[in-house]
Each structure stands twice: as structure tokens, then as C-alpha cells.
C-alpha atoms as a PDB file:
ATOM      1  CA  MET A   1      -1.120 -12.976  16.139  1.00  0.00           C
ATOM      2  CA  ASN A   2      -3.808 -13.897  18.663  1.00  0.00           C
ATOM      3  CA  GLU A   3      -4.656 -17.482  19.574  1.00  0.00           C
ATOM      4  CA  ILE A   4      -5.941 -19.295  16.502  1.00  0.00           C
ATOM      5  CA  LYS A   5      -9.467 -20.585  17.062  1.00  0.00           C
ATOM      6  CA  LYS A   6     -10.869 -20.235  13.540  1.00  0.00           C
ATOM      7  CA  VAL A   7      -9.066 -20.885  10.246  1.00  0.00           C
ATOM      8  CA  GLY A   8     -10.577 -19.672   6.996  1.00  0.00           C
ATOM      9  CA  PHE A   9      -9.918 -21.528   3.719  1.00  0.00           C
ATOM     10  CA  PHE A  10      -9.320 -20.155   0.240  1.00  0.00           C
ATOM     11  CA  VAL A  11      -8.845 -23.060  -2.149  1.00  0.00           C
ATOM     12  CA  ASN A  12      -8.015 -23.597  -5.794  1.00  0.00           C
ATOM     13  CA  THR A  13     -10.892 -26.008  -6.370  1.00  0.00           C
ATOM     14  CA  THR A  14      -9.624 -27.010  -9.830  1.00  0.00           C
ATOM     15  CA  LYS A  15      -6.756 -29.002  -8.317  1.00  0.00           C
ATOM     16  CA  VAL A  16      -7.516 -32.734  -8.377  1.00  0.00           C
ATOM     17  CA  ASN A  17      -6.359 -33.191  -4.788  1.00  0.00           C
ATOM     18  CA  ALA A  18      -8.074 -30.087  -3.380  1.00  0.00           C
ATOM     19  CA  ALA A  19     -11.089 -31.849  -1.828  1.00  0.00           C
ATOM     20  CA  ALA A  20      -8.929 -34.446  -0.094  1.00  0.00           C
ATOM     21  CA  VAL A  21      -6.527 -31.812   1.235  1.00  0.00           C
ATOM     22  CA  VAL A  22      -9.362 -29.666   2.622  1.00  0.00           C
ATOM     23  CA  LYS A  23     -10.971 -32.698   4.286  1.00  0.00           C
ATOM     24  CA  GLY A  24      -7.702 -33.802   5.844  1.00  0.00           C
ATOM     25  CA  VAL A  25      -6.785 -30.346   7.142  1.00  0.00           C
ATOM     26  CA  SER A  26     -10.307 -29.751   8.494  1.00  0.00           C
ATOM     27  CA  MET A  27     -10.147 -32.990  10.491  1.00  0.00           C
ATOM     28  CA  TRP A  28      -6.634 -32.149  11.709  1.00  0.00           C
ATOM     29  CA  LEU A  29      -7.833 -28.744  12.931  1.00  0.00           C
ATOM     30  CA  LYS A  30     -10.963 -30.221  14.546  1.00  0.00           C
ATOM     31  CA  GLU A  31      -8.783 -32.554  16.612  1.00  0.00           C
ATOM     32  CA  ARG A  32      -7.177 -29.391  18.011  1.00  0.00           C
ATOM     33  CA  ASP A  33     -10.527 -27.676  18.684  1.00  0.00           C
ATOM     34  CA  ILE A  34     -10.036 -25.249  15.802  1.00  0.00           C
ATOM     35  CA  ILE A  35     -12.980 -24.400  13.555  1.00  0.00           C
ATOM     36  CA  ALA A  36     -12.469 -24.600   9.787  1.00  0.00           C
ATOM     37  CA  LEU A  37     -14.382 -22.023   7.713  1.00  0.00           C
ATOM     38  CA  LEU A  38     -14.947 -22.769   4.021  1.00  0.00           C
ATOM     39  CA  PRO A  39     -16.696 -20.261   1.728  1.00  0.00           C
ATOM     40  CA  ASP A  40     -20.019 -21.502   0.389  1.00  0.00           C
ATOM     41  CA  GLU A  41     -19.128 -21.400  -3.308  1.00  0.00           C
ATOM     42  CA  GLN A  42     -15.906 -23.335  -2.753  1.00  0.00           C
ATOM     43  CA  ALA A  43     -17.691 -25.935  -0.628  1.00  0.00           C
ATOM     44  CA  VAL A  44     -20.101 -26.572  -3.517  1.00  0.00           C
ATOM     45  CA  GLU A  45     -17.272 -26.798  -6.053  1.00  0.00           C
ATOM     46  CA  LEU A  46     -15.496 -29.356  -3.864  1.00  0.00           C
ATOM     47  CA  GLY A  47     -18.645 -31.474  -3.521  1.00  0.00           C
ATOM     48  CA  TYR A  48     -19.372 -30.617   0.116  1.00  0.00           C
ATOM     49  CA  SER A  49     -22.586 -29.364   1.677  1.00  0.00           C
ATOM     50  CA  ARG A  50     -23.288 -25.648   1.514  1.00  0.00           C
ATOM     51  CA  THR A  51     -21.823 -23.641   4.377  1.00  0.00           C
ATOM     52  CA  GLY A  52     -23.870 -20.484   3.839  1.00  0.00           C
ATOM     53  CA  VAL A  53     -20.793 -18.367   4.531  1.00  0.00           C
ATOM     54  CA  SER A  54     -19.386 -15.879   1.997  1.00  0.00           C
ATOM     55  CA  LYS A  55     -15.690 -15.200   1.415  1.00  0.00           C
ATOM     56  CA  THR A  56     -16.034 -11.831   3.129  1.00  0.00           C
ATOM     57  CA  GLU A  57     -17.649 -13.463   6.171  1.00  0.00           C
ATOM     58  CA  VAL A  58     -14.843 -16.026   6.307  1.00  0.00           C
ATOM     59  CA  VAL A  59     -12.269 -13.206   6.362  1.00  0.00           C
ATOM     60  CA  GLU A  60     -14.131 -11.303   9.062  1.00  0.00           C
ATOM     61  CA  ALA A  61     -14.472 -14.368  11.327  1.00  0.00           C
ATOM     62  CA  ALA A  62     -11.082 -16.055  10.869  1.00  0.00           C
ATOM     63  CA  ASP A  63      -7.996 -15.639  13.042  1.00  0.00           C
ATOM     64  CA  MET A  64      -5.872 -16.960  10.185  1.00  0.00           C
ATOM     65  CA  LEU A  65      -6.430 -17.708   6.512  1.00  0.00           C
ATOM     66  CA  LEU A  66      -5.090 -20.865   4.865  1.00  0.00           C
ATOM     67  CA  VAL A  67      -4.666 -20.511   1.111  1.00  0.00           C
ATOM     68  CA  LEU A  68      -4.358 -23.846  -0.705  1.00  0.00           C
ATOM     69  CA  GLY A  69      -3.312 -23.385  -4.315  1.00  0.00           C
ATOM     70  CA  GLY A  70      -0.597 -21.283  -5.864  1.00  0.00           C
ATOM     71  CA  ASP A  71       0.228 -17.635  -6.363  1.00  0.00           C
ATOM     72  CA  GLY A  72      -2.920 -17.136  -8.442  1.00  0.00           C
ATOM     73  CA  THR A  73      -5.105 -18.429  -5.605  1.00  0.00           C
ATOM     74  CA  LEU A  74      -3.471 -16.018  -3.175  1.00  0.00           C
ATOM     75  CA  LEU A  75      -3.818 -13.104  -5.611  1.00  0.00           C
ATOM     76  CA  SER A  76      -7.508 -13.866  -5.998  1.00  0.00           C
ATOM     77  CA  ALA A  77      -7.959 -14.061  -2.228  1.00  0.00           C
ATOM     78  CA  ALA A  78      -6.128 -10.756  -1.774  1.00  0.00           C
ATOM     79  CA  HIS A  79      -9.051  -8.922  -3.382  1.00  0.00           C
ATOM     80  CA  THR A  80     -11.483  -9.990  -0.658  1.00  0.00           C
ATOM     81  CA  PRO A  81     -12.593  -7.019   1.493  1.00  0.00           C
ATOM     82  CA  HIS A  82     -10.703  -6.600   4.789  1.00  0.00           C
ATOM     83  CA  ILE A  83      -8.262  -9.428   4.051  1.00  0.00           C
ATOM     84  CA  GLU A  84      -5.406  -7.097   4.977  1.00  0.00           C
ATOM     85  CA  ASN A  85      -6.458  -7.543   8.622  1.00  0.00           C
ATOM     86  CA  VAL A  86      -5.868 -11.317   8.740  1.00  0.00           C
ATOM     87  CA  PRO A  87      -2.532 -13.192   8.540  1.00  0.00           C
ATOM     88  CA  ILE A  88      -2.328 -15.594   5.584  1.00  0.00           C
ATOM     89  CA  LEU A  89      -0.542 -18.935   5.382  1.00  0.00           C
ATOM     90  CA  ALA A  90      -0.267 -19.927   1.714  1.00  0.00           C
ATOM     91  CA  ILE A  91       0.541 -23.511   0.756  1.00  0.00           C
ATOM     92  CA  ASN A  92       1.509 -24.310  -2.814  1.00  0.00           C
ATOM     93  CA  ILE A  93      -0.361 -27.327  -4.189  1.00  0.00           C
ATOM     94  CA  GLY A  94       0.604 -26.353  -7.748  1.00  0.00           C
ATOM     95  CA  THR A  95       3.963 -26.311  -9.496  1.00  0.00           C
ATOM     96  CA  LEU A  96       5.435 -22.794  -9.155  1.00  0.00           C
ATOM     97  CA  GLY A  97       4.990 -20.155  -6.505  1.00  0.00           C
ATOM     98  CA  PHE A  98       6.882 -17.270  -4.918  1.00  0.00           C
ATOM     99  CA  LEU A  99       4.121 -15.914  -2.682  1.00  0.00           C
ATOM    100  CA  THR A 100       3.343 -19.270  -1.066  1.00  0.00           C
ATOM    101  CA  ASP A 101       5.270 -20.314   2.046  1.00  0.00           C
ATOM    102  CA  ALA A 102       5.532 -24.082   1.698  1.00  0.00           C
ATOM    103  CA  SER A 103       4.784 -27.045  -0.544  1.00  0.00           C
ATOM    104  CA  LEU A 104       2.042 -29.604   0.039  1.00  0.00           C
ATOM    105  CA  ASP A 105       4.370 -32.141   1.679  1.00  0.00           C
ATOM    106  CA  GLU A 106       5.311 -29.456   4.227  1.00  0.00           C
ATOM    107  CA  LEU A 107       1.681 -28.585   5.015  1.00  0.00           C
ATOM    108  CA  TYR A 108       1.244 -30.228   8.415  1.00  0.00           C
ATOM    109  CA  PRO A 109       4.695 -29.407   9.850  1.00  0.00           C
ATOM    110  CA  THR A 110       4.140 -25.781   8.776  1.00  0.00           C
ATOM    111  CA  LEU A 111       0.666 -25.696  10.323  1.00  0.00           C
ATOM    112  CA  LYS A 112       1.986 -27.223  13.544  1.00  0.00           C
ATOM    113  CA  ALA A 113       4.796 -24.658  13.759  1.00  0.00           C
ATOM    114  CA  THR A 114       2.386 -21.809  13.065  1.00  0.00           C
ATOM    115  CA  LEU A 115      -0.018 -22.884  15.798  1.00  0.00           C
ATOM    116  CA  ALA A 116       2.954 -23.090  18.168  1.00  0.00           C
ATOM    117  CA  GLY A 117       3.900 -19.495  17.341  1.00  0.00           C
ATOM    118  CA  ASP A 118       7.031 -20.455  15.417  1.00  0.00           C
ATOM    119  CA  TYR A 119       6.651 -18.072  12.473  1.00  0.00           C
ATOM    120  CA  ARG A 120       7.173 -14.498  11.333  1.00  0.00           C
ATOM    121  CA  ILE A 121       4.942 -12.055   9.461  1.00  0.00           C
ATOM    122  CA  GLU A 122       5.919 -10.416   6.177  1.00  0.00           C
ATOM    123  CA  HIS A 123       3.983  -7.298   5.215  1.00  0.00           C
ATOM    124  CA  ARG A 124       3.747  -7.064   1.434  1.00  0.00           C
ATOM    125  CA  MET A 125       3.202  -3.730  -0.282  1.00  0.00           C
ATOM    126  CA  MET A 126       0.105  -3.244  -2.438  1.00  0.00           C
ATOM    127  CA  LEU A 127      -0.774  -0.724  -5.142  1.00  0.00           C
ATOM    128  CA  GLU A 128      -3.892   1.392  -5.493  1.00  0.00           C
ATOM    129  CA  VAL A 129      -4.990   2.146  -9.055  1.00  0.00           C
ATOM    130  CA  VAL A 130      -7.530   4.787 -10.089  1.00  0.00           C
ATOM    131  CA  VAL A 131      -8.805   5.042 -13.688  1.00  0.00           C
ATOM    132  CA  ASP A 132     -10.740   8.093 -14.877  1.00  0.00           C
ATOM    133  CA  ARG A 133     -13.306   6.736 -17.350  1.00  0.00           C
ATOM    134  CA  ASP A 134     -15.389   8.352 -20.090  1.00  0.00           C
ATOM    135  CA  GLY A 135     -19.104   8.435 -19.315  1.00  0.00           C
ATOM    136  CA  PHE A 136     -18.756   7.384 -15.655  1.00  0.00           C
ATOM    137  CA  PRO A 137     -19.253   9.856 -12.791  1.00  0.00           C
ATOM    138  CA  GLN A 138     -16.977   7.812 -10.511  1.00  0.00           C
ATOM    139  CA  PRO A 139     -13.495   6.535 -11.368  1.00  0.00           C
ATOM    140  CA  PHE A 140     -12.615   2.836 -11.329  1.00  0.00           C
ATOM    141  CA  ARG A 141     -10.602   2.006  -8.205  1.00  0.00           C
ATOM    142  CA  ALA A 142      -8.843  -1.241  -7.237  1.00  0.00           C
ATOM    143  CA  PHE A 143      -5.908  -2.671  -5.277  1.00  0.00           C
ATOM    144  CA  ALA A 144      -3.109  -4.904  -6.556  1.00  0.00           C
ATOM    145  CA  LEU A 145      -0.708  -7.178  -4.728  1.00  0.00           C
ATOM    146  CA  ASN A 146       1.273  -8.083  -7.866  1.00  0.00           C
ATOM    147  CA  ASP A 147       0.724  -5.657 -10.698  1.00  0.00           C
ATOM    148  CA  VAL A 148      -1.385  -3.335 -12.796  1.00  0.00           C
ATOM    149  CA  VAL A 149      -1.126  -4.013 -16.532  1.00  0.00           C
ATOM    150  CA  ILE A 150      -2.270  -1.542 -19.183  1.00  0.00           C
ATOM    151  CA  ARG A 151      -2.497  -2.928 -22.709  1.00  0.00           C
ATOM    152  CA  HIS A 152      -4.419  -3.182 -25.965  1.00  0.00           C
ATOM    153  CA  TYR A 153      -4.384  -6.643 -27.535  1.00  0.00           C
ATOM    154  CA  THR A 154      -4.798  -5.596 -31.151  1.00  0.00           C
ATOM    155  CA  ARG A 155      -2.617  -2.531 -31.464  1.00  0.00           C
ATOM    156  CA  LEU A 156       0.261  -0.511 -30.087  1.00  0.00           C
ATOM    157  CA  ILE A 157      -0.738   2.092 -27.526  1.00  0.00           C
ATOM    158  CA  GLU A 158       0.815   5.485 -26.820  1.00  0.00           C
ATOM    159  CA  LEU A 159       1.310   6.384 -23.177  1.00  0.00           C
ATOM    160  CA  ASP A 160       3.138   9.052 -21.215  1.00  0.00           C
ATOM    161  CA  ALA A 161       4.366   8.048 -17.754  1.00  0.00           C
ATOM    162  CA  TYR A 162       4.796  10.728 -15.089  1.00  0.00           C
ATOM    163  CA  VAL A 163       6.595  10.254 -11.772  1.00  0.00           C
ATOM    164  CA  ASP A 164       5.434  12.636  -9.053  1.00  0.00           C
ATOM    165  CA  GLY A 165       3.943  14.904 -11.678  1.00  0.00           C
ATOM    166  CA  GLU A 166       7.024  15.098 -13.893  1.00  0.00           C
ATOM    167  CA  LEU A 167       7.058  13.554 -17.357  1.00  0.00           C
ATOM    168  CA  PHE A 168       9.427  10.588 -17.247  1.00  0.00           C
ATOM    169  CA  ILE A 169       9.065   8.259 -20.235  1.00  0.00           C
ATOM    170  CA  PRO A 170       6.792   8.370 -23.282  1.00  0.00           C
ATOM    171  CA  TYR A 171       5.917   4.798 -24.273  1.00  0.00           C
ATOM    172  CA  ASN A 172       4.966   3.428 -27.679  1.00  0.00           C
ATOM    173  CA  ALA A 173       4.450  -0.198 -26.733  1.00  0.00           C
ATOM    174  CA  ASP A 174       2.056  -3.119 -26.547  1.00  0.00           C
ATOM    175  CA  GLY A 175       1.478  -2.087 -22.961  1.00  0.00           C
ATOM    176  CA  LEU A 176       2.941  -1.171 -19.598  1.00  0.00           C
ATOM    177  CA  ILE A 177       3.299  -3.195 -16.378  1.00  0.00           C
ATOM    178  CA  ILE A 178       3.335  -1.347 -13.063  1.00  0.00           C
ATOM    179  CA  ALA A 179       4.366  -3.852 -10.416  1.00  0.00           C
ATOM    180  CA  THR A 180       5.164  -4.252  -6.746  1.00  0.00           C
ATOM    181  CA  PRO A 181       8.310  -6.092  -5.594  1.00  0.00           C
ATOM    182  CA  SER A 182       6.052  -9.129  -4.997  1.00  0.00           C
ATOM    183  CA  GLY A 183       4.998  -8.888  -8.634  1.00  0.00           C
ATOM    184  CA  SER A 184       8.558  -8.582  -9.924  1.00  0.00           C
ATOM    185  CA  THR A 185       8.683 -12.378 -10.405  1.00  0.00           C
ATOM    186  CA  GLY A 186       5.414 -12.386 -12.384  1.00  0.00           C
ATOM    187  CA  TYR A 187       4.500 -10.849 -15.726  1.00  0.00           C
ATOM    188  CA  SER A 188       7.120  -8.139 -15.256  1.00  0.00           C
ATOM    189  CA  LEU A 189       9.898 -10.741 -15.171  1.00  0.00           C
ATOM    190  CA  SER A 190       8.702 -12.307 -18.427  1.00  0.00           C
ATOM    191  CA  CYS A 191       9.046  -8.861 -20.040  1.00  0.00           C
ATOM    192  CA  ALA A 192      12.668  -8.499 -18.887  1.00  0.00           C
ATOM    193  CA  GLY A 193      11.851  -6.625 -15.686  1.00  0.00           C
ATOM    194  CA  THR A 194      14.189  -6.728 -12.700  1.00  0.00           C
ATOM    195  CA  ILE A 195      13.661  -9.080  -9.739  1.00  0.00           C
ATOM    196  CA  VAL A 196      13.237  -6.995  -6.587  1.00  0.00           C
ATOM    197  CA  ALA A 197      13.436  -8.289  -3.004  1.00  0.00           C
ATOM    198  CA  PRO A 198       9.833  -8.386  -1.722  1.00  0.00           C
ATOM    199  CA  GLN A 199      10.494  -6.585   1.567  1.00  0.00           C
ATOM    200  CA  LEU A 200      11.456  -3.407  -0.303  1.00  0.00           C
ATOM    201  CA  GLU A 201       8.979  -0.665  -1.108  1.00  0.00           C
ATOM    202  CA  ALA A 202       9.327   0.153  -4.790  1.00  0.00           C
ATOM    203  CA  ILE A 203       7.208   0.505  -7.913  1.00  0.00           C
ATOM    204  CA  LEU A 204       8.419  -1.156 -11.123  1.00  0.00           C
ATOM    205  CA  LEU A 205       7.639   0.192 -14.589  1.00  0.00           C
ATOM    206  CA  THR A 206       8.173  -2.497 -17.232  1.00  0.00           C
ATOM    207  CA  PRO A 207       7.156  -1.874 -20.853  1.00  0.00           C
ATOM    208  CA  ILE A 208       5.630  -4.693 -22.915  1.00  0.00           C
ATOM    209  CA  ALA A 209       7.380  -4.997 -26.285  1.00  0.00           C
ATOM    210  CA  PRO A 210       8.394  -1.315 -26.540  1.00  0.00           C
ATOM    211  CA  HIS A 211       8.842   0.021 -30.058  1.00  0.00           C
ATOM    212  CA  SER A 212      12.099   1.750 -29.140  1.00  0.00           C
ATOM    213  CA  LEU A 213      15.505   0.498 -28.062  1.00  0.00           C
ATOM    214  CA  THR A 214      15.866   3.519 -25.752  1.00  0.00           C
ATOM    215  CA  VAL A 215      13.067   2.406 -23.396  1.00  0.00           C
ATOM    216  CA  ARG A 216      14.089   0.253 -20.446  1.00  0.00           C
ATOM    217  CA  PRO A 217      12.475  -1.053 -17.243  1.00  0.00           C
ATOM    218  CA  PHE A 218      12.661   1.350 -14.301  1.00  0.00           C
ATOM    219  CA  ILE A 219      12.292   1.064 -10.528  1.00  0.00           C
ATOM    220  CA  ALA A 220      10.698   4.065  -8.825  1.00  0.00           C
ATOM    221  CA  ASP A 221      10.581   4.869  -5.132  1.00  0.00           C
ATOM    222  CA  GLY A 222       7.750   3.158  -3.284  1.00  0.00           C
ATOM    223  CA  ASP A 223       6.210   6.499  -2.300  1.00  0.00           C
ATOM    224  CA  ALA A 224       6.156   7.819  -5.862  1.00  0.00           C
ATOM    225  CA  GLU A 225       2.889   8.600  -7.614  1.00  0.00           C
ATOM    226  CA  ILE A 226       2.837   7.108 -11.089  1.00  0.00           C
ATOM    227  CA  THR A 227       0.511   8.804 -13.558  1.00  0.00           C
ATOM    228  CA  VAL A 228      -0.079   7.277 -16.985  1.00  0.00           C
ATOM    229  CA  LYS A 229      -1.714   9.582 -19.520  1.00  0.00           C
ATOM    230  CA  MET A 230      -3.188   8.357 -22.794  1.00  0.00           C
ATOM    231  CA  ARG A 231      -1.690  10.162 -25.794  1.00  0.00           C
ATOM    232  CA  ALA A 232      -4.490   8.930 -28.084  1.00  0.00           C
ATOM    233  CA  ALA A 233      -8.097   7.778 -27.703  1.00  0.00           C
ATOM    234  CA  TYR A 234      -8.866   4.075 -27.305  1.00  0.00           C
ATOM    235  CA  LYS A 235     -12.276   2.418 -27.183  1.00  0.00           C
ATOM    236  CA  SER A 236     -11.074  -0.689 -25.376  1.00  0.00           C
ATOM    237  CA  VAL A 237      -7.982  -0.464 -23.204  1.00  0.00           C
ATOM    238  CA  ASP A 238      -7.564  -3.432 -20.869  1.00  0.00           C
ATOM    239  CA  VAL A 239      -6.452  -2.712 -17.320  1.00  0.00           C
ATOM    240  CA  PHE A 240      -5.541  -5.948 -15.520  1.00  0.00           C
ATOM    241  CA  VAL A 241      -5.313  -5.786 -11.735  1.00  0.00           C
ATOM    242  CA  ASP A 242      -3.548  -8.942 -10.535  1.00  0.00           C
ATOM    243  CA  GLY A 243      -4.752 -10.634 -13.702  1.00  0.00           C
ATOM    244  CA  GLN A 244      -8.383  -9.566 -13.294  1.00  0.00           C
ATOM    245  CA  ARG A 245      -9.470  -7.816 -16.465  1.00  0.00           C
ATOM    246  CA  GLU A 246     -11.310  -4.509 -16.705  1.00  0.00           C
ATOM    247  CA  THR A 247     -11.901  -2.927 -20.123  1.00  0.00           C
ATOM    248  CA  HIS A 248     -12.263   0.835 -20.371  1.00  0.00           C
ATOM    249  CA  SER A 249     -12.939   3.407 -23.057  1.00  0.00           C
ATOM    250  CA  LEU A 250     -10.267   6.053 -22.584  1.00  0.00           C
ATOM    251  CA  ALA A 251     -10.139   9.373 -24.410  1.00  0.00           C
ATOM    252  CA  ALA A 252      -6.898  11.135 -25.255  1.00  0.00           C
ATOM    253  CA  GLY A 253      -5.633  12.718 -22.069  1.00  0.00           C
ATOM    254  CA  SER A 254      -7.326  10.127 -19.823  1.00  0.00           C
ATOM    255  CA  VAL A 255      -5.340   9.352 -16.710  1.00  0.00           C
ATOM    256  CA  ILE A 256      -4.506   6.169 -14.799  1.00  0.00           C
ATOM    257  CA  LYS A 257      -2.931   6.817 -11.397  1.00  0.00           C
ATOM    258  CA  VAL A 258      -1.001   4.168  -9.470  1.00  0.00           C
ATOM    259  CA  GLU A 259       0.570   4.588  -6.038  1.00  0.00           C
ATOM    260  CA  LYS A 260       1.370   2.659  -2.888  1.00  0.00           C
ATOM    261  CA  ALA A 261      -1.792   1.616  -1.070  1.00  0.00           C
ATOM    262  CA  GLU A 262      -2.286   2.210   2.634  1.00  0.00           C
ATOM    263  CA  ARG A 263      -3.113  -1.476   3.110  1.00  0.00           C
ATOM    264  CA  THR A 264      -0.618  -4.347   3.078  1.00  0.00           C
ATOM    265  CA  ILE A 265      -1.001  -8.124   2.990  1.00  0.00           C
ATOM    266  CA  GLN A 266       0.250 -10.160   5.956  1.00  0.00           C
ATOM    267  CA  LEU A 267       1.996 -13.357   4.889  1.00  0.00           C
ATOM    268  CA  ILE A 268       2.906 -15.966   7.492  1.00  0.00           C
ATOM    269  CA  ARG A 269       6.417 -17.277   6.962  1.00  0.00           C
ATOM    270  CA  SER A 270       7.992 -20.270   8.655  1.00  0.00           C
ATOM    271  CA  GLN A 271      11.349 -19.585  10.262  1.00  0.00           C
ATOM    272  CA  HIS A 272      12.943 -21.837   7.633  1.00  0.00           C
ATOM    273  CA  HIS A 273      11.416 -20.134   4.604  1.00  0.00           C
ATOM    274  CA  SER A 274      14.028 -18.616   2.273  1.00  0.00           C
ATOM    275  CA  TYR A 275      12.986 -16.328  -0.560  1.00  0.00           C
ATOM    276  CA  TYR A 276      16.458 -16.513  -2.075  1.00  0.00           C
ATOM    277  CA  ARG A 277      16.471 -20.305  -2.075  1.00  0.00           C
ATOM    278  CA  ALA A 278      13.046 -20.257  -3.726  1.00  0.00           C
ATOM    279  CA  LEU A 279      14.346 -17.916  -6.429  1.00  0.00           C
ATOM    280  CA  ARG A 280      17.430 -20.027  -7.015  1.00  0.00           C
ATOM    281  CA  GLU A 281      15.545 -23.301  -7.222  1.00  0.00           C
ATOM    282  CA  LYS A 282      12.401 -22.243  -9.066  1.00  0.00           C
ATOM    283  CA  LEU A 283      14.134 -20.019 -11.628  1.00  0.00           C
ATOM    284  CA  MET A 284      17.297 -22.164 -11.691  1.00  0.00           C
ATOM    285  CA  LEU A 285      19.439 -19.078 -11.136  1.00  0.00           C
ATOM    286  CA  GLY A 286      23.076 -19.815 -11.783  1.00  0.00           C
ATOM    287  CA  GLY A 287      22.248 -23.213 -13.237  1.00  0.00           C
ATOM    288  CA  GLY A 288      25.302 -25.081 -14.463  1.00  0.00           C
ATOM    289  CA  ILE A 289      27.740 -23.109 -12.309  1.00  0.00           C
ATOM    290  CA  VAL A 290      29.745 -25.306  -9.953  1.00  0.00           C
ATOM    291  CA  THR A 291      29.766 -24.053  -6.350  1.00  0.00           C
ATOM    292  CA  SER A 292      30.853 -25.431  -2.989  1.00  0.00           C
ATOM    293  CA  HIS A 293      27.645 -24.058  -1.337  1.00  0.00           C
ATOM    294  CA  GLN A 294      29.784 -22.807   1.536  1.00  0.00           C
ATOM    295  CA  SER A 295      28.742 -19.798   3.596  1.00  0.00           C
ATOM    296  CA  PRO A 296      30.781 -16.619   3.072  1.00  0.00           C
ATOM    297  CA  VAL A 297      33.757 -16.338   5.419  1.00  0.00           C
ATOM    298  CA  THR A 298      35.993 -13.462   6.380  1.00  0.00           C
ATOM    299  CA  SER A 299      39.738 -13.489   6.771  1.00  0.00           C
ATOM    300  CA  ASP A 300      42.003 -11.519   9.129  1.00  0.00           C
ATOM    301  CA  GLN A 301      44.750 -11.527   6.510  1.00  0.00           C
END
């Protein structure tokens, strides 16, 4: 990463401490001759003067992005055009997060280490989804860092999932989650999906309340093309991309294609960040099991 002269902010403005945190960090950066860039709409929501700068302009001007919020704030930011070109430091000022690097009380030490070059970059896989829609000359196209969710809230839907053009699983379910490894700890996990290490390239298929005991979650290769074909017609199928809802009218035979995107997201990680510790502590993995917490050792015997 080049020398950091401008830091762009993406903030969860609903947090009660958001305004104070932004003010404190902005002053801290100014003391180091670093310009803080706050999108206009977020400045207004925080009670500051208008900046006249859009989110896209912040991304294009910044050397680094500072996300203050939780995983949802980062997911929202990830949909800003060209954000894949800028490293992101995400600080959790909420209660639960797997995408964020540090908690609020670690904010300034983490910033200091980052400015000193003491960090690493994680490239997180994204998905590209294309939906062929009735009555529209152009398909709907979007990118997901976490997941693509296909569902109908009032009825079971019938879907056929193809992997690289070959029929794999027919689903009769409330819906289907197609997730990245980053998204494996999100909605997919709540539907009994597998946790996948985020540095892997894989595509998870997790059914939502399947109406068959023979249907199970599946992990496909990251380079696979997943094609979901509607077996019946639906006037309002919801396609959620990282939680952002799009409703489509899909005829029988309509196709939703999902595959690995060419773009990735760059997450700044402190040298002390541990994904496995975060999993263990936030999900309480192995809770109640007594352990010595010793590192594995080998024996010559």
C-alpha cells in the first residue's frame, strides 16, 4: 500500500457513539497531516456540515478506507463502485463481527500500526450474480461479498441447481443461499451451513428449510459456475445480495447464474489478528471443554 495521505470513512451512523468516534479519529489523523474524507450523506446524519463528496468520490480519492461499524457496514460499503481498488480497515463498534479487524478499544493502536506499515492484506473472494428477468431487455447484475439468497417469503419454491452445466440438486425449499467463504459465518451458518476458512476460494450452497431429508449443504469449487433454474413461475422471487433486496418476476425456466467475480475486496489485517480466535470467542466453539491452551508439540518418541 502506498503512503496514506487520505483516509475515507464509511460509518454506521445509527451507533450512538459514531459521531464522537469520527470526530476523534479525524482529529487524530489531522495531527499526522492525513486528510479525513467523509461522504456527504453520512456527515449530515452525524450532525456535521455537508462535505459535498459522494461515497464514490471518497473511494476514488482515498488511499485507505476506514469502516466504523460492523459486518453490515462493511457489506454495504463493498457495493460502492471501485472499492475493490482500495484497502479497507474495518473496526467493529457493534457487538459481533467476523469481517472487521479490531474492536473499538483497539482502534488507535491498530491505526498506528497500519500507518507504520505493520499489517497484511487479505483478498476476499466475491460473487457475481446475473438474473434473467421477464420484461427486461437487460439482466440484473450485482456483486456479493457474503452471499446471494434466493427465496419466496410466502411459499415454498422449486429450484434446480446446476454446477458447471450439470444438474446437481433439485431443491424444494423456502430458499437457497449461495455464499462465499466470508459469508459462511452469516445466514448460511444459521441454516446449518459449514464454516469455511475465508482465504479459500469456494462457493457454498445451503438450502433454507429444505422439504427433504436427502438435501444437504454443499461446497463447490471456487471456479464453478452455479446455475439456478426456476422449475415453476413466480411473480415475486426475492434475490438478496449481501442483504440488499431485489424482487423479480421469474417465469418457469428463468435462470440465476452465480460465479466467482473477477474483483476481490482488500481487507487490512493487523499482524495480531486471528480469524480462528475470533471464531472460537464469538461463536463460543468448544465451550465448556477444559483445555490447557498449550500449543501443539511433537515428540521424537
